[in-house]
Amino acid sequence: MKTLRILLFIGLMSVGSHTAFGQVDASSLIGKLLENSKAVQSFEADVDIQVDVDFIRIPVKKGRVFYKAPDKFKFRATGFVLVPKKGLNFTFNEMLSSEHAAIYAGADSLNHIVKIVPLGEDTDFALATAWIDKMRSRVNRLDVTTKGQGNYSLYFEYGNLSFDLPVSTRVHFEIGQIDIPMKFIGSLKVDKKKAGERSSGNVTLHYSNFIINRQIADAIFTENDNIR
């Protein structure tokens, strides 16, 4: 199963061109996002994965992530299978690879808000909304409405890295969008009443020990996944 693509690490320029009416040009914002993403050609990092759902508490898992431009991603975490599949697979590059419309939807005190609407039928998402930092080249939040797979919200926190790579990403999702194999739950205490209800949960990923723009062998991305 492919998981955790470059969605978690994209950047975006904060100031777009303006129309004669003072409206921010959404297409310019998106274009600068794609241009800035080229600054990171590869990276690897350690990751701590914290899963929090209503009916079960799972110990923190540790893993490592690898990325190589333009679209190779590898996620290693022994025994980690509890993830919202679609939510962690959405990337701006993937969304923008097909025909779309970018619509400026306003702003809050910190962010421009841009909606991305696919114009073709061969996409997994129906709508994405990005909160783009006005002062820095990065995305602070991304909401995705999928076609029949529920909704996902991603929240990014940044540190003092030379590149705009998040040091923490929280994914909020509906419990119905994940698989929970019994062999993984094992002896963990489960609230069966809550397990049968539709609820929400979070996966929070904390990154450290980044190595950026160092050569990564292609063989890493063809290894057998530890995630099933």
C-alpha atoms as a PDB file:
ATOM      1  CA  MET A   1       0.000   0.000   0.000  1.00  0.00           C
ATOM      2  CA  LYS A   2       1.391   3.349  -0.952  1.00  0.00           C
ATOM      3  CA  THR A   3       1.187   5.918   1.842  1.00  0.00           C
ATOM      4  CA  LEU A   4       2.431   9.322   2.896  1.00  0.00           C
ATOM      5  CA  ARG A   5       3.498  10.999  -0.314  1.00  0.00           C
ATOM      6  CA  ILE A   6       4.893  14.504  -0.617  1.00  0.00           C
ATOM      7  CA  LEU A   7       1.701  16.052   0.684  1.00  0.00           C
ATOM      8  CA  LEU A   8       3.299  16.311   4.091  1.00  0.00           C
ATOM      9  CA  PHE A   9       6.228  18.379   2.845  1.00  0.00           C
ATOM     10  CA  ILE A  10       5.005  20.888   0.252  1.00  0.00           C
ATOM     11  CA  GLY A  11       5.726  24.642   0.385  1.00  0.00           C
ATOM     12  CA  LEU A  12       4.002  27.653  -1.084  1.00  0.00           C
ATOM     13  CA  MET A  13       4.989  31.288  -1.732  1.00  0.00           C
ATOM     14  CA  SER A  14       2.905  33.694   0.312  1.00  0.00           C
ATOM     15  CA  VAL A  15       2.275  36.625  -2.011  1.00  0.00           C
ATOM     16  CA  GLY A  16       0.602  36.200  -5.403  1.00  0.00           C
ATOM     17  CA  SER A  17       0.036  38.685  -8.173  1.00  0.00           C
ATOM     18  CA  HIS A  18      -3.089  40.851  -7.902  1.00  0.00           C
ATOM     19  CA  THR A  19      -5.740  41.676 -10.423  1.00  0.00           C
ATOM     20  CA  ALA A  20      -6.799  45.219 -11.181  1.00  0.00           C
ATOM     21  CA  PHE A  21      -9.487  44.817  -8.551  1.00  0.00           C
ATOM     22  CA  GLY A  22      -7.077  43.824  -5.812  1.00  0.00           C
ATOM     23  CA  GLN A  23      -8.091  40.164  -5.883  1.00  0.00           C
ATOM     24  CA  VAL A  24      -5.277  37.697  -5.191  1.00  0.00           C
ATOM     25  CA  ASP A  25      -4.589  35.482  -8.214  1.00  0.00           C
ATOM     26  CA  ALA A  26      -5.146  31.898  -7.058  1.00  0.00           C
ATOM     27  CA  SER A  27      -3.335  30.448 -10.068  1.00  0.00           C
ATOM     28  CA  SER A  28      -0.264  32.512  -9.222  1.00  0.00           C
ATOM     29  CA  LEU A  29      -0.273  31.162  -5.668  1.00  0.00           C
ATOM     30  CA  ILE A  30      -0.501  27.601  -6.930  1.00  0.00           C
ATOM     31  CA  GLY A  31       2.224  28.197  -9.508  1.00  0.00           C
ATOM     32  CA  LYS A  32       4.585  29.441  -6.827  1.00  0.00           C
ATOM     33  CA  LEU A  33       3.757  26.391  -4.733  1.00  0.00           C
ATOM     34  CA  LEU A  34       4.902  24.116  -7.522  1.00  0.00           C
ATOM     35  CA  GLU A  35       8.015  26.207  -8.149  1.00  0.00           C
ATOM     36  CA  ASN A  36       9.020  26.209  -4.469  1.00  0.00           C
ATOM     37  CA  SER A  37       8.524  22.458  -4.182  1.00  0.00           C
ATOM     38  CA  LYS A  38      11.424  22.024  -6.630  1.00  0.00           C
ATOM     39  CA  ALA A  39      13.876  23.258  -3.961  1.00  0.00           C
ATOM     40  CA  VAL A  40      13.625  19.884  -2.205  1.00  0.00           C
ATOM     41  CA  GLN A  41      14.798  17.173  -4.592  1.00  0.00           C
ATOM     42  CA  SER A  42      15.129  14.529  -1.896  1.00  0.00           C
ATOM     43  CA  PHE A  43      14.963  14.045   1.853  1.00  0.00           C
ATOM     44  CA  GLU A  44      14.824  11.426   4.554  1.00  0.00           C
ATOM     45  CA  ALA A  45      13.784  11.803   8.181  1.00  0.00           C
ATOM     46  CA  ASP A  46      12.848   9.903  11.320  1.00  0.00           C
ATOM     47  CA  VAL A  47       9.167  10.003  12.262  1.00  0.00           C
ATOM     48  CA  ASP A  48       7.220   9.278  15.438  1.00  0.00           C
ATOM     49  CA  ILE A  49       3.596   8.310  14.720  1.00  0.00           C
ATOM     50  CA  GLN A  50       0.915   8.926  17.311  1.00  0.00           C
ATOM     51  CA  VAL A  51      -2.540   7.438  16.659  1.00  0.00           C
ATOM     52  CA  ASP A  52      -5.506   8.770  18.624  1.00  0.00           C
ATOM     53  CA  VAL A  53      -9.026   7.449  18.063  1.00  0.00           C
ATOM     54  CA  ASP A  54     -12.007   7.299  20.407  1.00  0.00           C
ATOM     55  CA  PHE A  55     -12.071   3.572  21.068  1.00  0.00           C
ATOM     56  CA  ILE A  56      -8.391   2.576  21.193  1.00  0.00           C
ATOM     57  CA  ARG A  57      -5.048   3.955  22.302  1.00  0.00           C
ATOM     58  CA  ILE A  58      -2.042   2.701  20.362  1.00  0.00           C
ATOM     59  CA  PRO A  59       1.562   3.178  21.537  1.00  0.00           C
ATOM     60  CA  VAL A  60       3.686   5.635  19.582  1.00  0.00           C
ATOM     61  CA  LYS A  61       5.239   3.996  16.524  1.00  0.00           C
ATOM     62  CA  LYS A  62       8.595   4.951  15.054  1.00  0.00           C
ATOM     63  CA  GLY A  63       9.515   4.954  11.396  1.00  0.00           C
ATOM     64  CA  ARG A  64      11.512   6.633   8.655  1.00  0.00           C
ATOM     65  CA  VAL A  65      10.434   8.402   5.476  1.00  0.00           C
ATOM     66  CA  PHE A  66      12.237   8.852   2.154  1.00  0.00           C
ATOM     67  CA  TYR A  67      11.342  11.153  -0.746  1.00  0.00           C
ATOM     68  CA  LYS A  68      12.863  11.642  -4.176  1.00  0.00           C
ATOM     69  CA  ALA A  69      11.526  14.058  -6.788  1.00  0.00           C
ATOM     70  CA  PRO A  70       9.257  14.073  -8.531  1.00  0.00           C
ATOM     71  CA  ASP A  71       7.003  11.407  -6.984  1.00  0.00           C
ATOM     72  CA  LYS A  72       8.914   8.634  -5.209  1.00  0.00           C
ATOM     73  CA  PHE A  73       8.012   8.144  -1.569  1.00  0.00           C
ATOM     74  CA  LYS A  74       8.836   5.383   0.909  1.00  0.00           C
ATOM     75  CA  PHE A  75       7.471   5.020   4.430  1.00  0.00           C
ATOM     76  CA  ARG A  76       8.971   2.478   6.829  1.00  0.00           C
ATOM     77  CA  ALA A  77       7.273   1.672  10.129  1.00  0.00           C
ATOM     78  CA  THR A  78       7.205  -1.909  11.352  1.00  0.00           C
ATOM     79  CA  GLY A  79       3.685  -3.051  12.150  1.00  0.00           C
ATOM     80  CA  PHE A  80       2.067   0.292  11.440  1.00  0.00           C
ATOM     81  CA  VAL A  81      -1.140  -0.294   9.487  1.00  0.00           C
ATOM     82  CA  LEU A  82      -3.658   2.045  11.105  1.00  0.00           C
ATOM     83  CA  VAL A  83      -3.766   4.922   8.628  1.00  0.00           C
ATOM     84  CA  PRO A  84      -6.481   6.708   6.651  1.00  0.00           C
ATOM     85  CA  LYS A  85      -5.408   5.485   3.243  1.00  0.00           C
ATOM     86  CA  LYS A  86      -6.737   8.168   0.930  1.00  0.00           C
ATOM     87  CA  GLY A  87      -6.072  11.034   3.306  1.00  0.00           C
ATOM     88  CA  LEU A  88      -2.343  10.406   3.426  1.00  0.00           C
ATOM     89  CA  ASN A  89      -2.051   9.902  -0.306  1.00  0.00           C
ATOM     90  CA  PHE A  90      -3.293  13.274  -1.493  1.00  0.00           C
ATOM     91  CA  THR A  91      -0.633  15.659  -2.774  1.00  0.00           C
ATOM     92  CA  PHE A  92      -0.833  19.025  -4.461  1.00  0.00           C
ATOM     93  CA  ASN A  93       1.296  17.770  -7.322  1.00  0.00           C
ATOM     94  CA  GLU A  94      -1.081  14.864  -7.811  1.00  0.00           C
ATOM     95  CA  MET A  95      -4.126  17.109  -7.635  1.00  0.00           C
ATOM     96  CA  LEU A  96      -2.695  19.574 -10.116  1.00  0.00           C
ATOM     97  CA  SER A  97      -1.491  16.992 -12.626  1.00  0.00           C
ATOM     98  CA  SER A  98      -4.980  16.927 -14.148  1.00  0.00           C
ATOM     99  CA  GLU A  99      -7.102  19.815 -15.387  1.00  0.00           C
ATOM    100  CA  HIS A 100      -8.455  21.934 -12.537  1.00  0.00           C
ATOM    101  CA  ALA A 101      -9.688  25.346 -11.494  1.00  0.00           C
ATOM    102  CA  ALA A 102      -8.044  27.322  -8.667  1.00  0.00           C
ATOM    103  CA  ILE A 103     -10.427  29.749  -6.982  1.00  0.00           C
ATOM    104  CA  TYR A 104      -9.479  32.423  -4.465  1.00  0.00           C
ATOM    105  CA  ALA A 105     -11.963  32.049  -1.594  1.00  0.00           C
ATOM    106  CA  GLY A 106     -10.860  34.805   0.781  1.00  0.00           C
ATOM    107  CA  ALA A 107      -8.475  35.062   3.704  1.00  0.00           C
ATOM    108  CA  ASP A 108      -8.190  34.931   7.449  1.00  0.00           C
ATOM    109  CA  SER A 109      -5.680  36.840   9.568  1.00  0.00           C
ATOM    110  CA  LEU A 110      -2.791  34.546   8.594  1.00  0.00           C
ATOM    111  CA  ASN A 111      -3.698  32.789   5.370  1.00  0.00           C
ATOM    112  CA  HIS A 112      -4.952  33.058   1.817  1.00  0.00           C
ATOM    113  CA  ILE A 113      -7.676  30.468   1.205  1.00  0.00           C
ATOM    114  CA  VAL A 114      -7.698  28.734  -2.176  1.00  0.00           C
ATOM    115  CA  LYS A 115     -10.119  26.100  -3.447  1.00  0.00           C
ATOM    116  CA  ILE A 116      -9.025  23.559  -6.061  1.00  0.00           C
ATOM    117  CA  VAL A 117     -11.765  21.986  -8.171  1.00  0.00           C
ATOM    118  CA  PRO A 118     -10.932  19.141 -10.610  1.00  0.00           C
ATOM    119  CA  LEU A 119     -12.415  19.613 -14.078  1.00  0.00           C
ATOM    120  CA  GLY A 120     -11.898  16.048 -15.238  1.00  0.00           C
ATOM    121  CA  GLU A 121     -13.529  12.853 -13.999  1.00  0.00           C
ATOM    122  CA  ASP A 122     -10.364  10.796 -13.424  1.00  0.00           C
ATOM    123  CA  THR A 123      -9.589  12.178  -9.976  1.00  0.00           C
ATOM    124  CA  ASP A 124     -10.067  10.787  -6.467  1.00  0.00           C
ATOM    125  CA  PHE A 125     -11.008  14.119  -4.929  1.00  0.00           C
ATOM    126  CA  ALA A 126     -14.009  16.394  -5.463  1.00  0.00           C
ATOM    127  CA  LEU A 127     -12.651  19.511  -3.761  1.00  0.00           C
ATOM    128  CA  ALA A 128      -9.539  20.644  -1.894  1.00  0.00           C
ATOM    129  CA  THR A 129      -9.151  23.786   0.194  1.00  0.00           C
ATOM    130  CA  ALA A 130      -5.699  25.117   1.095  1.00  0.00           C
ATOM    131  CA  TRP A 131      -4.821  27.673   3.767  1.00  0.00           C
ATOM    132  CA  ILE A 132      -1.686  29.389   2.425  1.00  0.00           C
ATOM    133  CA  ASP A 133       0.503  31.371   4.811  1.00  0.00           C
ATOM    134  CA  LYS A 134       0.550  35.062   3.830  1.00  0.00           C
ATOM    135  CA  MET A 135       4.057  35.678   5.127  1.00  0.00           C
ATOM    136  CA  ARG A 136       5.879  32.400   4.497  1.00  0.00           C
ATOM    137  CA  SER A 137       6.142  29.971   1.604  1.00  0.00           C
ATOM    138  CA  ARG A 138       4.094  27.128   3.041  1.00  0.00           C
ATOM    139  CA  VAL A 139       0.664  25.560   3.506  1.00  0.00           C
ATOM    140  CA  ASN A 140      -0.720  25.626   7.046  1.00  0.00           C
ATOM    141  CA  ARG A 141      -3.818  23.495   6.465  1.00  0.00           C
ATOM    142  CA  LEU A 142      -5.370  21.368   3.740  1.00  0.00           C
ATOM    143  CA  ASP A 143      -8.943  20.031   3.635  1.00  0.00           C
ATOM    144  CA  VAL A 144      -9.819  17.341   1.090  1.00  0.00           C
ATOM    145  CA  THR A 145     -13.252  16.075   0.097  1.00  0.00           C
ATOM    146  CA  THR A 146     -12.878  12.742  -1.694  1.00  0.00           C
ATOM    147  CA  LYS A 147     -15.244  10.952  -4.022  1.00  0.00           C
ATOM    148  CA  GLY A 148     -16.936   8.490  -1.713  1.00  0.00           C
ATOM    149  CA  GLN A 149     -14.040   8.109   0.746  1.00  0.00           C
ATOM    150  CA  GLY A 150     -14.890  10.784   3.310  1.00  0.00           C
ATOM    151  CA  ASN A 151     -13.146  14.008   4.244  1.00  0.00           C
ATOM    152  CA  TYR A 152      -9.648  14.673   5.589  1.00  0.00           C
ATOM    153  CA  SER A 153      -8.003  17.681   7.186  1.00  0.00           C
ATOM    154  CA  LEU A 154      -4.240  18.099   7.498  1.00  0.00           C
ATOM    155  CA  TYR A 155      -2.554  20.612   9.798  1.00  0.00           C
ATOM    156  CA  PHE A 156       1.133  21.469   9.403  1.00  0.00           C
ATOM    157  CA  GLU A 157       3.583  22.907  11.950  1.00  0.00           C
ATOM    158  CA  TYR A 158       7.029  24.176  10.977  1.00  0.00           C
ATOM    159  CA  GLY A 159      10.334  24.555  12.773  1.00  0.00           C
ATOM    160  CA  ASN A 160      13.600  26.257  11.892  1.00  0.00           C
ATOM    161  CA  LEU A 161      14.671  24.153   8.929  1.00  0.00           C
ATOM    162  CA  SER A 162      16.340  25.764   5.918  1.00  0.00           C
ATOM    163  CA  PHE A 163      13.489  24.436   3.777  1.00  0.00           C
ATOM    164  CA  ASP A 164       9.765  24.671   4.447  1.00  0.00           C
ATOM    165  CA  LEU A 165       9.311  21.068   5.530  1.00  0.00           C
ATOM    166  CA  PRO A 166       6.836  20.498   8.382  1.00  0.00           C
ATOM    167  CA  VAL A 167       8.233  19.126  11.625  1.00  0.00           C
ATOM    168  CA  SER A 168       4.744  17.962  12.594  1.00  0.00           C
ATOM    169  CA  THR A 169       1.663  16.972  10.605  1.00  0.00           C
ATOM    170  CA  ARG A 170      -1.726  16.104  12.096  1.00  0.00           C
ATOM    171  CA  VAL A 171      -4.234  14.231   9.941  1.00  0.00           C
ATOM    172  CA  HIS A 172      -7.862  14.373  11.095  1.00  0.00           C
ATOM    173  CA  PHE A 173     -10.133  11.726   9.550  1.00  0.00           C
ATOM    174  CA  GLU A 174     -13.280   9.666   9.967  1.00  0.00           C
ATOM    175  CA  ILE A 175     -12.767   6.256  11.578  1.00  0.00           C
ATOM    176  CA  GLY A 176     -14.705   4.657   8.726  1.00  0.00           C
ATOM    177  CA  GLN A 177     -11.802   5.475   6.370  1.00  0.00           C
ATOM    178  CA  ILE A 178      -9.240   3.196   8.076  1.00  0.00           C
ATOM    179  CA  ASP A 179      -8.600  -0.530   8.408  1.00  0.00           C
ATOM    180  CA  ILE A 180      -7.879  -2.109  11.790  1.00  0.00           C
ATOM    181  CA  PRO A 181      -6.620  -5.695  11.344  1.00  0.00           C
ATOM    182  CA  MET A 182      -7.233  -7.837  14.432  1.00  0.00           C
ATOM    183  CA  LYS A 183      -3.633  -9.062  14.388  1.00  0.00           C
ATOM    184  CA  PHE A 184      -2.521  -5.455  14.860  1.00  0.00           C
ATOM    185  CA  ILE A 185      -4.946  -4.673  17.696  1.00  0.00           C
ATOM    186  CA  GLY A 186      -3.811  -7.800  19.560  1.00  0.00           C
ATOM    187  CA  SER A 187      -4.153  -7.381  23.314  1.00  0.00           C
ATOM    188  CA  LEU A 188      -4.818  -3.636  23.238  1.00  0.00           C
ATOM    189  CA  LYS A 189      -7.891  -2.545  25.180  1.00  0.00           C
ATOM    190  CA  VAL A 190     -10.776  -1.701  22.830  1.00  0.00           C
ATOM    191  CA  ASP A 191     -14.041   0.031  23.730  1.00  0.00           C
ATOM    192  CA  LYS A 192     -16.383  -2.145  21.658  1.00  0.00           C
ATOM    193  CA  LYS A 193     -19.303   0.247  22.002  1.00  0.00           C
ATOM    194  CA  LYS A 194     -17.331   3.152  20.565  1.00  0.00           C
ATOM    195  CA  ALA A 195     -15.712   0.891  17.981  1.00  0.00           C
ATOM    196  CA  GLY A 196     -19.132   0.291  16.432  1.00  0.00           C
ATOM    197  CA  GLU A 197     -19.936   3.989  16.144  1.00  0.00           C
ATOM    198  CA  ARG A 198     -18.856   6.335  13.354  1.00  0.00           C
ATOM    199  CA  SER A 199     -16.334   8.669  14.928  1.00  0.00           C
ATOM    200  CA  SER A 200     -13.203  10.649  14.173  1.00  0.00           C
ATOM    201  CA  GLY A 201      -9.530  10.251  14.907  1.00  0.00           C
ATOM    202  CA  ASN A 202      -6.111  11.742  14.385  1.00  0.00           C
ATOM    203  CA  VAL A 203      -2.722  10.550  13.212  1.00  0.00           C
ATOM    204  CA  THR A 204       0.072  12.921  14.242  1.00  0.00           C
ATOM    205  CA  LEU A 205       3.521  12.573  12.689  1.00  0.00           C
ATOM    206  CA  HIS A 206       6.538  14.248  14.319  1.00  0.00           C
ATOM    207  CA  TYR A 207       9.651  14.472  12.111  1.00  0.00           C
ATOM    208  CA  SER A 208      13.297  14.817  13.122  1.00  0.00           C
ATOM    209  CA  ASN A 209      16.847  14.240  11.869  1.00  0.00           C
ATOM    210  CA  PHE A 210      16.172  15.511   8.345  1.00  0.00           C
ATOM    211  CA  ILE A 211      18.712  14.851   5.607  1.00  0.00           C
ATOM    212  CA  ILE A 212      17.794  17.059   2.637  1.00  0.00           C
ATOM    213  CA  ASN A 213      18.951  16.873  -0.987  1.00  0.00           C
ATOM    214  CA  ARG A 214      21.321  13.957  -0.485  1.00  0.00           C
ATOM    215  CA  GLN A 215      21.374  11.201  -3.110  1.00  0.00           C
ATOM    216  CA  ILE A 216      18.937   8.372  -2.325  1.00  0.00           C
ATOM    217  CA  ALA A 217      19.222   5.061  -4.173  1.00  0.00           C
ATOM    218  CA  ASP A 218      16.192   4.112  -6.262  1.00  0.00           C
ATOM    219  CA  ALA A 219      16.315   0.637  -4.730  1.00  0.00           C
ATOM    220  CA  ILE A 220      14.932   2.019  -1.472  1.00  0.00           C
ATOM    221  CA  PHE A 221      11.622   2.762  -3.180  1.00  0.00           C
ATOM    222  CA  THR A 222      11.235  -0.754  -4.602  1.00  0.00           C
ATOM    223  CA  GLU A 223      11.699  -2.620  -1.325  1.00  0.00           C
ATOM    224  CA  ASN A 224       8.797  -4.614   0.056  1.00  0.00           C
ATOM    225  CA  ASP A 225       6.635  -2.351   2.188  1.00  0.00           C
ATOM    226  CA  ASN A 226       6.363  -2.996   5.906  1.00  0.00           C
ATOM    227  CA  ILE A 227       2.852  -1.546   5.762  1.00  0.00           C
ATOM    228  CA  ARG A 228       0.054  -3.812   4.576  1.00  0.00           C
END
